[in-house]
Every structure is written in C-alpha cells, then in structure tokens.
Amino acid sequence: MSAPSGGVNCEEIAEFQLMEAHASRDKVIKNCIAQTSAIVNTLQEQREKDLNDLTLLKQIRKEQTKLKWMQSELNVEEVVNDRSWKVFNERCRVHFKPPKKE
C-alpha cells in the first residue's frame, strides 16, 4: 500500500524545509557569533595596550552589542523552530512522524 500524498508532502516539509532551514540558519548565526567574538577579543587585546584609546573602547562596545544581538537571535531561532514543529505536528502527525531530535 502506498503512502498517502499528504504523507509525502509532510515528509518533504519536515526533511527539506524545517530541518534543513533550521540547521542552515543555526549554522549562520553561530558562525557570525564566532566571528564577532574573535573581533571583540582582538579589540580587547588592543585596548589593554592602550587604555586611553576611546575610539577603540567605542568599537569594543559596538561589537559587544552586536554579539549580544546575535546571541539573542539564537534564542529567537529556537522559538521559531519550536513553533514551526508544533504547527507541523498539528497538521502532519497523521501522515508523517519526524525523527526525534538528538
């Protein structure tokens, strides 16, 4: 007996749209966090050499603010992911059960 067409669509949505999209966004955000953290560390090292450089201090604060924003974006991404799976499960639970998250 073949799977109902709804099952195929639900499986495609789960595997290609939800899982891959979430993994892709998560990877991009974490990459940005890593790069910005490296910039903050470099600026802080430079600041230790010249404590009177106010321009450097402003740069550090700007990058730290950006870093905090990116970290909060990870939290937003998690909420979006959870809500997406909730809607998916409500609509597709009869047709397809996605694998458990690790």
PDB file of N, CA and C in Angstrom:
ATOM      1  N   MET A   1       0.849  -1.179   0.000  1.00  0.00           N
ATOM      2  CA  MET A   1       0.000   0.000   0.000  1.00  0.00           C
ATOM      3  C   MET A   1       0.890   1.234   0.000  1.00  0.00           C
ATOM      4  N   SER A   2       0.629   2.167  -0.883  1.00  0.00           N
ATOM      5  CA  SER A   2       1.479   3.350  -0.983  1.00  0.00           C
ATOM      6  C   SER A   2       1.052   4.393   0.047  1.00  0.00           C
ATOM      7  N   ALA A   3       2.010   5.267   0.363  1.00  0.00           N
ATOM      8  CA  ALA A   3       1.747   6.321   1.341  1.00  0.00           C
ATOM      9  C   ALA A   3       0.819   7.356   0.739  1.00  0.00           C
ATOM     10  N   PRO A   4      -0.060   7.937   1.528  1.00  0.00           N
ATOM     11  CA  PRO A   4      -0.936   8.981   1.014  1.00  0.00           C
ATOM     12  C   PRO A   4      -0.118  10.190   0.593  1.00  0.00           C
ATOM     13  N   SER A   5      -0.627  10.939  -0.370  1.00  0.00           N
ATOM     14  CA  SER A   5       0.118  12.097  -0.864  1.00  0.00           C
ATOM     15  C   SER A   5       0.427  13.087   0.255  1.00  0.00           C
ATOM     16  N   GLY A   6      -0.452  13.198   1.240  1.00  0.00           N
ATOM     17  CA  GLY A   6      -0.195  14.091   2.379  1.00  0.00           C
ATOM     18  C   GLY A   6       1.048  13.673   3.130  1.00  0.00           C
ATOM     19  N   GLY A   7       1.275  12.355   3.218  1.00  0.00           N
ATOM     20  CA  GLY A   7       2.450  11.856   3.907  1.00  0.00           C
ATOM     21  C   GLY A   7       3.737  12.245   3.210  1.00  0.00           C
ATOM     22  N   VAL A   8       3.722  12.182   1.887  1.00  0.00           N
ATOM     23  CA  VAL A   8       4.904  12.561   1.122  1.00  0.00           C
ATOM     24  C   VAL A   8       5.178  14.050   1.304  1.00  0.00           C
ATOM     25  N   ASN A   9       4.143  14.864   1.207  1.00  0.00           N
ATOM     26  CA  ASN A   9       4.316  16.303   1.385  1.00  0.00           C
ATOM     27  C   ASN A   9       4.803  16.630   2.786  1.00  0.00           C
ATOM     28  N   CYS A  10       4.255  15.970   3.774  1.00  0.00           N
ATOM     29  CA  CYS A  10       4.673  16.215   5.151  1.00  0.00           C
ATOM     30  C   CYS A  10       6.127  15.806   5.350  1.00  0.00           C
ATOM     31  N   GLU A  11       6.521  14.689   4.763  1.00  0.00           N
ATOM     32  CA  GLU A  11       7.902  14.240   4.897  1.00  0.00           C
ATOM     33  C   GLU A  11       8.854  15.233   4.234  1.00  0.00           C
ATOM     34  N   GLU A  12       8.480  15.723   3.057  1.00  0.00           N
ATOM     35  CA  GLU A  12       9.310  16.707   2.355  1.00  0.00           C
ATOM     36  C   GLU A  12       9.421  17.989   3.178  1.00  0.00           C
ATOM     37  N   ILE A  13       8.325  18.427   3.739  1.00  0.00           N
ATOM     38  CA  ILE A  13       8.342  19.642   4.565  1.00  0.00           C
ATOM     39  C   ILE A  13       9.258  19.435   5.767  1.00  0.00           C
ATOM     40  N   ALA A  14       9.130  18.299   6.430  1.00  0.00           N
ATOM     41  CA  ALA A  14       9.931  18.033   7.623  1.00  0.00           C
ATOM     42  C   ALA A  14      11.409  17.985   7.286  1.00  0.00           C
ATOM     43  N   GLU A  15      11.762  17.199   6.259  1.00  0.00           N
ATOM     44  CA  GLU A  15      13.171  16.985   5.956  1.00  0.00           C
ATOM     45  C   GLU A  15      13.828  18.169   5.270  1.00  0.00           C
ATOM     46  N   PHE A  16      13.153  18.744   4.301  1.00  0.00           N
ATOM     47  CA  PHE A  16      13.806  19.750   3.470  1.00  0.00           C
ATOM     48  C   PHE A  16      13.526  21.175   3.890  1.00  0.00           C
ATOM     49  N   GLN A  17      12.354  21.413   4.396  1.00  0.00           N
ATOM     50  CA  GLN A  17      12.041  22.788   4.730  1.00  0.00           C
ATOM     51  C   GLN A  17      12.322  23.103   6.192  1.00  0.00           C
ATOM     52  N   LEU A  18      11.882  22.255   7.092  1.00  0.00           N
ATOM     53  CA  LEU A  18      12.072  22.557   8.511  1.00  0.00           C
ATOM     54  C   LEU A  18      13.475  22.215   8.995  1.00  0.00           C
ATOM     55  N   MET A  19      13.881  20.967   8.828  1.00  0.00           N
ATOM     56  CA  MET A  19      15.181  20.532   9.356  1.00  0.00           C
ATOM     57  C   MET A  19      16.350  21.275   8.717  1.00  0.00           C
ATOM     58  N   GLU A  20      16.364  21.307   7.395  1.00  0.00           N
ATOM     59  CA  GLU A  20      17.486  21.939   6.698  1.00  0.00           C
ATOM     60  C   GLU A  20      17.509  23.446   6.908  1.00  0.00           C
ATOM     61  N   ALA A  21      16.351  24.071   6.874  1.00  0.00           N
ATOM     62  CA  ALA A  21      16.306  25.524   7.071  1.00  0.00           C
ATOM     63  C   ALA A  21      16.787  25.894   8.469  1.00  0.00           C
ATOM     64  N   HIS A  22      16.331  25.153   9.466  1.00  0.00           N
ATOM     65  CA  HIS A  22      16.752  25.445  10.837  1.00  0.00           C
ATOM     66  C   HIS A  22      18.264  25.235  10.988  1.00  0.00           C
ATOM     67  N   ALA A  23      18.752  24.130  10.468  1.00  0.00           N
ATOM     68  CA  ALA A  23      20.190  23.845  10.573  1.00  0.00           C
ATOM     69  C   ALA A  23      21.007  24.916   9.868  1.00  0.00           C
ATOM     70  N   SER A  24      20.543  25.354   8.726  1.00  0.00           N
ATOM     71  CA  SER A  24      21.250  26.382   7.965  1.00  0.00           C
ATOM     72  C   SER A  24      21.289  27.714   8.720  1.00  0.00           C
ATOM     73  N   ARG A  25      20.146  28.150   9.221  1.00  0.00           N
ATOM     74  CA  ARG A  25      20.096  29.418   9.971  1.00  0.00           C
ATOM     75  C   ARG A  25      20.929  29.331  11.246  1.00  0.00           C
ATOM     76  N   ASP A  26      20.829  28.199  11.932  1.00  0.00           N
ATOM     77  CA  ASP A  26      21.593  27.997  13.166  1.00  0.00           C
ATOM     78  C   ASP A  26      23.093  28.100  12.881  1.00  0.00           C
ATOM     79  N   LYS A  27      23.522  27.474  11.813  1.00  0.00           N
ATOM     80  CA  LYS A  27      24.937  27.497  11.436  1.00  0.00           C
ATOM     81  C   LYS A  27      25.412  28.919  11.112  1.00  0.00           C
ATOM     82  N   VAL A  28      24.608  29.655  10.375  1.00  0.00           N
ATOM     83  CA  VAL A  28      24.969  31.025  10.004  1.00  0.00           C
ATOM     84  C   VAL A  28      25.073  31.910  11.243  1.00  0.00           C
ATOM     85  N   ILE A  29      24.085  31.817  12.114  1.00  0.00           N
ATOM     86  CA  ILE A  29      24.094  32.646  13.330  1.00  0.00           C
ATOM     87  C   ILE A  29      25.308  32.306  14.193  1.00  0.00           C
ATOM     88  N   LYS A  30      25.574  31.022  14.373  1.00  0.00           N
ATOM     89  CA  LYS A  30      26.730  30.617  15.191  1.00  0.00           C
ATOM     90  C   LYS A  30      28.045  31.045  14.559  1.00  0.00           C
ATOM     91  N   ASN A  31      28.121  31.030  13.241  1.00  0.00           N
ATOM     92  CA  ASN A  31      29.318  31.495  12.554  1.00  0.00           C
ATOM     93  C   ASN A  31      29.519  32.997  12.792  1.00  0.00           C
ATOM     94  N   CYS A  32      28.446  33.756  12.709  1.00  0.00           N
ATOM     95  CA  CYS A  32      28.524  35.195  12.982  1.00  0.00           C
ATOM     96  C   CYS A  32      28.948  35.463  14.425  1.00  0.00           C
ATOM     97  N   ILE A  33      28.429  34.676  15.352  1.00  0.00           N
ATOM     98  CA  ILE A  33      28.804  34.823  16.760  1.00  0.00           C
ATOM     99  C   ILE A  33      30.296  34.552  16.937  1.00  0.00           C
ATOM    100  N   ALA A  34      30.790  33.502  16.298  1.00  0.00           N
ATOM    101  CA  ALA A  34      32.212  33.155  16.420  1.00  0.00           C
ATOM    102  C   ALA A  34      33.088  34.274  15.847  1.00  0.00           C
ATOM    103  N   GLN A  35      32.710  34.807  14.696  1.00  0.00           N
ATOM    104  CA  GLN A  35      33.497  35.878  14.075  1.00  0.00           C
ATOM    105  C   GLN A  35      33.477  37.146  14.926  1.00  0.00           C
ATOM    106  N   THR A  36      32.311  37.499  15.426  1.00  0.00           N
ATOM    107  CA  THR A  36      32.197  38.708  16.243  1.00  0.00           C
ATOM    108  C   THR A  36      32.925  38.533  17.573  1.00  0.00           C
ATOM    109  N   SER A  37      32.888  37.344  18.140  1.00  0.00           N
ATOM    110  CA  SER A  37      33.634  37.071  19.378  1.00  0.00           C
ATOM    111  C   SER A  37      35.133  37.250  19.149  1.00  0.00           C
ATOM    112  N   ALA A  38      35.603  36.782  18.016  1.00  0.00           N
ATOM    113  CA  ALA A  38      37.027  36.932  17.689  1.00  0.00           C
ATOM    114  C   ALA A  38      37.395  38.410  17.544  1.00  0.00           C
ATOM    115  N   ILE A  39      36.518  39.181  16.927  1.00  0.00           N
ATOM    116  CA  ILE A  39      36.760  40.619  16.783  1.00  0.00           C
ATOM    117  C   ILE A  39      36.805  41.284  18.153  1.00  0.00           C
ATOM    118  N   VAL A  40      35.859  40.949  19.020  1.00  0.00           N
ATOM    119  CA  VAL A  40      35.826  41.518  20.377  1.00  0.00           C
ATOM    120  C   VAL A  40      37.113  41.173  21.123  1.00  0.00           C
ATOM    121  N   ASN A  41      37.546  39.933  21.038  1.00  0.00           N
ATOM    122  CA  ASN A  41      38.786  39.526  21.718  1.00  0.00           C
ATOM    123  C   ASN A  41      39.992  40.298  21.195  1.00  0.00           C
ATOM    124  N   THR A  42      40.079  40.462  19.890  1.00  0.00           N
ATOM    125  CA  THR A  42      41.191  41.208  19.288  1.00  0.00           C
ATOM    126  C   THR A  42      41.167  42.663  19.753  1.00  0.00           C
ATOM    127  N   LEU A  43      39.989  43.262  19.732  1.00  0.00           N
ATOM    128  CA  LEU A  43      39.870  44.658  20.169  1.00  0.00           C
ATOM    129  C   LEU A  43      40.218  44.812  21.647  1.00  0.00           C
ATOM    130  N   GLN A  44      39.812  43.849  22.464  1.00  0.00           N
ATOM    131  CA  GLN A  44      40.131  43.919  23.894  1.00  0.00           C
ATOM    132  C   GLN A  44      41.637  43.794  24.129  1.00  0.00           C
ATOM    133  N   GLU A  45      42.299  42.961  23.348  1.00  0.00           N
ATOM    134  CA  GLU A  45      43.758  42.848  23.454  1.00  0.00           C
ATOM    135  C   GLU A  45      44.427  44.171  23.077  1.00  0.00           C
ATOM    136  N   GLN A  46      43.915  44.803  22.018  1.00  0.00           N
ATOM    137  CA  GLN A  46      44.458  46.106  21.613  1.00  0.00           C
ATOM    138  C   GLN A  46      44.190  47.157  22.687  1.00  0.00           C
ATOM    139  N   ARG A  47      43.037  47.083  23.288  1.00  0.00           N
ATOM    140  CA  ARG A  47      42.657  48.048  24.339  1.00  0.00           C
ATOM    141  C   ARG A  47      43.576  47.929  25.551  1.00  0.00           C
ATOM    142  N   GLU A  48      43.977  46.713  25.890  1.00  0.00           N
ATOM    143  CA  GLU A  48      44.886  46.520  27.022  1.00  0.00           C
ATOM    144  C   GLU A  48      46.224  47.203  26.796  1.00  0.00           C
ATOM    145  N   LYS A  49      46.631  47.344  25.556  1.00  0.00           N
ATOM    146  CA  LYS A  49      47.896  48.004  25.219  1.00  0.00           C
ATOM    147  C   LYS A  49      47.770  49.522  25.267  1.00  0.00           C
ATOM    148  N   ASP A  50      46.557  50.027  25.035  1.00  0.00           N
ATOM    149  CA  ASP A  50      46.345  51.476  25.020  1.00  0.00           C
ATOM    150  C   ASP A  50      45.004  51.802  25.671  1.00  0.00           C
ATOM    151  N   LEU A  51      45.017  51.950  26.998  1.00  0.00           N
ATOM    152  CA  LEU A  51      43.794  52.193  27.750  1.00  0.00           C
ATOM    153  C   LEU A  51      43.182  53.567  27.487  1.00  0.00           C
ATOM    154  N   ASN A  52      43.923  54.475  26.875  1.00  0.00           N
ATOM    155  CA  ASN A  52      43.428  55.830  26.623  1.00  0.00           C
ATOM    156  C   ASN A  52      42.726  55.974  25.278  1.00  0.00           C
ATOM    157  N   ASP A  53      42.688  54.932  24.488  1.00  0.00           N
ATOM    158  CA  ASP A  53      42.087  54.997  23.155  1.00  0.00           C
ATOM    159  C   ASP A  53      40.569  54.842  23.258  1.00  0.00           C
ATOM    160  N   LEU A  54      39.867  55.984  23.241  1.00  0.00           N
ATOM    161  CA  LEU A  54      38.408  55.977  23.375  1.00  0.00           C
ATOM    162  C   LEU A  54      37.718  55.445  22.125  1.00  0.00           C
ATOM    163  N   THR A  55      38.331  55.635  20.975  1.00  0.00           N
ATOM    164  CA  THR A  55      37.764  55.104  19.730  1.00  0.00           C
ATOM    165  C   THR A  55      37.714  53.587  19.795  1.00  0.00           C
ATOM    166  N   LEU A  56      38.758  52.999  20.320  1.00  0.00           N
ATOM    167  CA  LEU A  56      38.820  51.549  20.470  1.00  0.00           C
ATOM    168  C   LEU A  56      37.754  51.062  21.455  1.00  0.00           C
ATOM    169  N   LEU A  57      37.563  51.803  22.519  1.00  0.00           N
ATOM    170  CA  LEU A  57      36.535  51.451  23.501  1.00  0.00           C
ATOM    171  C   LEU A  57      35.139  51.480  22.864  1.00  0.00           C
ATOM    172  N   LYS A  58      34.877  52.493  22.034  1.00  0.00           N
ATOM    173  CA  LYS A  58      33.596  52.587  21.343  1.00  0.00           C
ATOM    174  C   LYS A  58      33.412  51.402  20.391  1.00  0.00           C
ATOM    175  N   GLN A  59      34.478  51.016  19.703  1.00  0.00           N
ATOM    176  CA  GLN A  59      34.415  49.869  18.800  1.00  0.00           C
ATOM    177  C   GLN A  59      34.096  48.586  19.558  1.00  0.00           C
ATOM    178  N   ILE A  60      34.751  48.427  20.708  1.00  0.00           N
ATOM    179  CA  ILE A  60      34.510  47.232  21.533  1.00  0.00           C
ATOM    180  C   ILE A  60      33.044  47.175  21.944  1.00  0.00           C
ATOM    181  N   ARG A  61      32.529  48.279  22.427  1.00  0.00           N
ATOM    182  CA  ARG A  61      31.129  48.319  22.865  1.00  0.00           C
ATOM    183  C   ARG A  61      30.173  48.026  21.708  1.00  0.00           C
ATOM    184  N   LYS A  62      30.483  48.573  20.544  1.00  0.00           N
ATOM    185  CA  LYS A  62      29.654  48.329  19.365  1.00  0.00           C
ATOM    186  C   LYS A  62      29.647  46.841  19.013  1.00  0.00           C
ATOM    187  N   GLU A  63      30.817  46.220  19.013  1.00  0.00           N
ATOM    188  CA  GLU A  63      30.921  44.795  18.686  1.00  0.00           C
ATOM    189  C   GLU A  63      30.271  43.922  19.769  1.00  0.00           C
ATOM    190  N   GLN A  64      30.390  44.328  21.033  1.00  0.00           N
ATOM    191  CA  GLN A  64      29.755  43.575  22.114  1.00  0.00           C
ATOM    192  C   GLN A  64      28.231  43.638  21.994  1.00  0.00           C
ATOM    193  N   THR A  65      27.721  44.802  21.604  1.00  0.00           N
ATOM    194  CA  THR A  65      26.282  44.945  21.395  1.00  0.00           C
ATOM    195  C   THR A  65      25.832  44.044  20.249  1.00  0.00           C
ATOM    196  N   LYS A  66      26.612  44.029  19.188  1.00  0.00           N
ATOM    197  CA  LYS A  66      26.300  43.165  18.052  1.00  0.00           C
ATOM    198  C   LYS A  66      26.321  41.700  18.473  1.00  0.00           C
ATOM    199  N   LEU A  67      27.286  41.332  19.295  1.00  0.00           N
ATOM    200  CA  LEU A  67      27.406  39.958  19.781  1.00  0.00           C
ATOM    201  C   LEU A  67      26.178  39.570  20.618  1.00  0.00           C
ATOM    202  N   LYS A  68      25.754  40.449  21.505  1.00  0.00           N
ATOM    203  CA  LYS A  68      24.565  40.172  22.324  1.00  0.00           C
ATOM    204  C   LYS A  68      23.326  40.021  21.452  1.00  0.00           C
ATOM    205  N   TRP A  69      23.217  40.852  20.416  1.00  0.00           N
ATOM    206  CA  TRP A  69      22.086  40.771  19.498  1.00  0.00           C
ATOM    207  C   TRP A  69      22.076  39.411  18.795  1.00  0.00           C
ATOM    208  N   MET A  70      23.236  38.968  18.339  1.00  0.00           N
ATOM    209  CA  MET A  70      23.328  37.675  17.652  1.00  0.00           C
ATOM    210  C   MET A  70      23.004  36.516  18.586  1.00  0.00           C
ATOM    211  N   GLN A  71      23.439  36.624  19.825  1.00  0.00           N
ATOM    212  CA  GLN A  71      23.124  35.566  20.794  1.00  0.00           C
ATOM    213  C   GLN A  71      21.626  35.519  21.078  1.00  0.00           C
ATOM    214  N   SER A  72      20.997  36.682  21.142  1.00  0.00           N
ATOM    215  CA  SER A  72      19.543  36.685  21.347  1.00  0.00           C
ATOM    216  C   SER A  72      18.841  36.155  20.103  1.00  0.00           C
ATOM    217  N   GLU A  73      19.445  36.341  18.947  1.00  0.00           N
ATOM    218  CA  GLU A  73      18.876  35.810  17.709  1.00  0.00           C
ATOM    219  C   GLU A  73      18.840  34.282  17.735  1.00  0.00           C
ATOM    220  N   LEU A  74      19.813  33.678  18.386  1.00  0.00           N
ATOM    221  CA  LEU A  74      19.793  32.219  18.557  1.00  0.00           C
ATOM    222  C   LEU A  74      18.571  31.793  19.362  1.00  0.00           C
ATOM    223  N   ASN A  75      18.247  32.558  20.388  1.00  0.00           N
ATOM    224  CA  ASN A  75      17.049  32.259  21.192  1.00  0.00           C
ATOM    225  C   ASN A  75      15.779  32.421  20.361  1.00  0.00           C
ATOM    226  N   VAL A  76      15.732  33.468  19.553  1.00  0.00           N
ATOM    227  CA  VAL A  76      14.587  33.686  18.673  1.00  0.00           C
ATOM    228  C   VAL A  76      14.457  32.517  17.698  1.00  0.00           C
ATOM    229  N   GLU A  77      15.572  32.093  17.147  1.00  0.00           N
ATOM    230  CA  GLU A  77      15.573  30.976  16.202  1.00  0.00           C
ATOM    231  C   GLU A  77      15.016  29.707  16.855  1.00  0.00           C
ATOM    232  N   GLU A  78      15.367  29.490  18.098  1.00  0.00           N
ATOM    233  CA  GLU A  78      14.869  28.313  18.810  1.00  0.00           C
ATOM    234  C   GLU A  78      13.353  28.382  18.991  1.00  0.00           C
ATOM    235  N   VAL A  79      12.843  29.557  19.316  1.00  0.00           N
ATOM    236  CA  VAL A  79      11.393  29.740  19.468  1.00  0.00           C
ATOM    237  C   VAL A  79      10.691  29.510  18.129  1.00  0.00           C
ATOM    238  N   VAL A  80      11.239  30.082  17.070  1.00  0.00           N
ATOM    239  CA  VAL A  80      10.655  29.899  15.738  1.00  0.00           C
ATOM    240  C   VAL A  80      10.656  28.419  15.364  1.00  0.00           C
ATOM    241  N   ASN A  81      11.755  27.741  15.640  1.00  0.00           N
ATOM    242  CA  ASN A  81      11.856  26.318  15.331  1.00  0.00           C
ATOM    243  C   ASN A  81      10.818  25.508  16.114  1.00  0.00           C
ATOM    244  N   ASP A  82      10.710  25.786  17.401  1.00  0.00           N
ATOM    245  CA  ASP A  82       9.731  25.071  18.229  1.00  0.00           C
ATOM    246  C   ASP A  82       8.303  25.290  17.739  1.00  0.00           C
ATOM    247  N   ARG A  83       7.988  26.531  17.403  1.00  0.00           N
ATOM    248  CA  ARG A  83       6.633  26.836  16.926  1.00  0.00           C
ATOM    249  C   ARG A  83       6.366  26.189  15.567  1.00  0.00           C
ATOM    250  N   SER A  84       7.386  26.179  14.712  1.00  0.00           N
ATOM    251  CA  SER A  84       7.234  25.552  13.393  1.00  0.00           C
ATOM    252  C   SER A  84       6.935  24.069  13.543  1.00  0.00           C
ATOM    253  N   TRP A  85       7.660  23.408  14.448  1.00  0.00           N
ATOM    254  CA  TRP A  85       7.429  21.971  14.665  1.00  0.00           C
ATOM    255  C   TRP A  85       6.067  21.717  15.294  1.00  0.00           C
ATOM    256  N   LYS A  86       5.623  22.635  16.140  1.00  0.00           N
ATOM    257  CA  LYS A  86       4.308  22.474  16.756  1.00  0.00           C
ATOM    258  C   LYS A  86       3.221  22.504  15.677  1.00  0.00           C
ATOM    259  N   VAL A  87       3.300  23.481  14.782  1.00  0.00           N
ATOM    260  CA  VAL A  87       2.322  23.580  13.692  1.00  0.00           C
ATOM    261  C   VAL A  87       2.438  22.365  12.779  1.00  0.00           C
ATOM    262  N   PHE A  88       3.672  21.981  12.459  1.00  0.00           N
ATOM    263  CA  PHE A  88       3.885  20.808  11.614  1.00  0.00           C
ATOM    264  C   PHE A  88       3.222  19.580  12.224  1.00  0.00           C
ATOM    265  N   ASN A  89       3.464  19.362  13.507  1.00  0.00           N
ATOM    266  CA  ASN A  89       2.897  18.188  14.177  1.00  0.00           C
ATOM    267  C   ASN A  89       1.375  18.224  14.205  1.00  0.00           C
ATOM    268  N   GLU A  90       0.813  19.411  14.359  1.00  0.00           N
ATOM    269  CA  GLU A  90      -0.647  19.528  14.350  1.00  0.00           C
ATOM    270  C   GLU A  90      -1.221  19.173  12.985  1.00  0.00           C
ATOM    271  N   ARG A  91      -0.529  19.545  11.932  1.00  0.00           N
ATOM    272  CA  ARG A  91      -1.041  19.337  10.566  1.00  0.00           C
ATOM    273  C   ARG A  91      -0.667  17.975   9.976  1.00  0.00           C
ATOM    274  N   CYS A  92       0.483  17.459  10.357  1.00  0.00           N
ATOM    275  CA  CYS A  92       1.022  16.279   9.659  1.00  0.00           C
ATOM    276  C   CYS A  92       1.173  15.030  10.517  1.00  0.00           C
ATOM    277  N   ARG A  93       0.795  15.081  11.767  1.00  0.00           N
ATOM    278  CA  ARG A  93       1.061  13.938  12.643  1.00  0.00           C
ATOM    279  C   ARG A  93       0.421  12.647  12.147  1.00  0.00           C
ATOM    280  N   VAL A  94      -0.664  12.741  11.407  1.00  0.00           N
ATOM    281  CA  VAL A  94      -1.326  11.550  10.880  1.00  0.00           C
ATOM    282  C   VAL A  94      -0.513  10.938   9.741  1.00  0.00           C
ATOM    283  N   HIS A  95       0.170  11.782   8.971  1.00  0.00           N
ATOM    284  CA  HIS A  95       0.850  11.338   7.754  1.00  0.00           C
ATOM    285  C   HIS A  95       2.325  10.992   7.952  1.00  0.00           C
ATOM    286  N   PHE A  96       2.982  11.679   8.870  1.00  0.00           N
ATOM    287  CA  PHE A  96       4.435  11.510   8.990  1.00  0.00           C
ATOM    288  C   PHE A  96       4.877  11.890  10.391  1.00  0.00           C
ATOM    289  N   LYS A  97       5.730  11.066  10.952  1.00  0.00           N
ATOM    290  CA  LYS A  97       6.291  11.353  12.268  1.00  0.00           C
ATOM    291  C   LYS A  97       7.790  11.595  12.067  1.00  0.00           C
ATOM    292  N   PRO A  98       8.269  12.836  12.304  1.00  0.00           N
ATOM    293  CA  PRO A  98       9.688  13.118  12.089  1.00  0.00           C
ATOM    294  C   PRO A  98      10.556  12.403  13.122  1.00  0.00           C
ATOM    295  N   PRO A  99      11.814  12.173  12.769  1.00  0.00           N
ATOM    296  CA  PRO A  99      12.721  11.554  13.737  1.00  0.00           C
ATOM    297  C   PRO A  99      12.930  12.474  14.937  1.00  0.00           C
ATOM    298  N   LYS A 100      13.216  11.872  16.077  1.00  0.00           N
ATOM    299  CA  LYS A 100      13.461  12.642  17.301  1.00  0.00           C
ATOM    300  C   LYS A 100      14.734  13.464  17.141  1.00  0.00           C
ATOM    301  N   LYS A 101      14.730  14.662  17.750  1.00  0.00           N
ATOM    302  CA  LYS A 101      15.931  15.499  17.770  1.00  0.00           C
ATOM    303  C   LYS A 101      16.948  14.882  18.704  1.00  0.00           C
ATOM    304  N   GLU A 102      18.210  15.048  18.340  1.00  0.00           N
ATOM    305  CA  GLU A 102      19.278  14.495  19.204  1.00  0.00           C
ATOM    306  C   GLU A 102      19.730  15.505  20.206  1.00  0.00           C
TER     307      GLU A 102
END
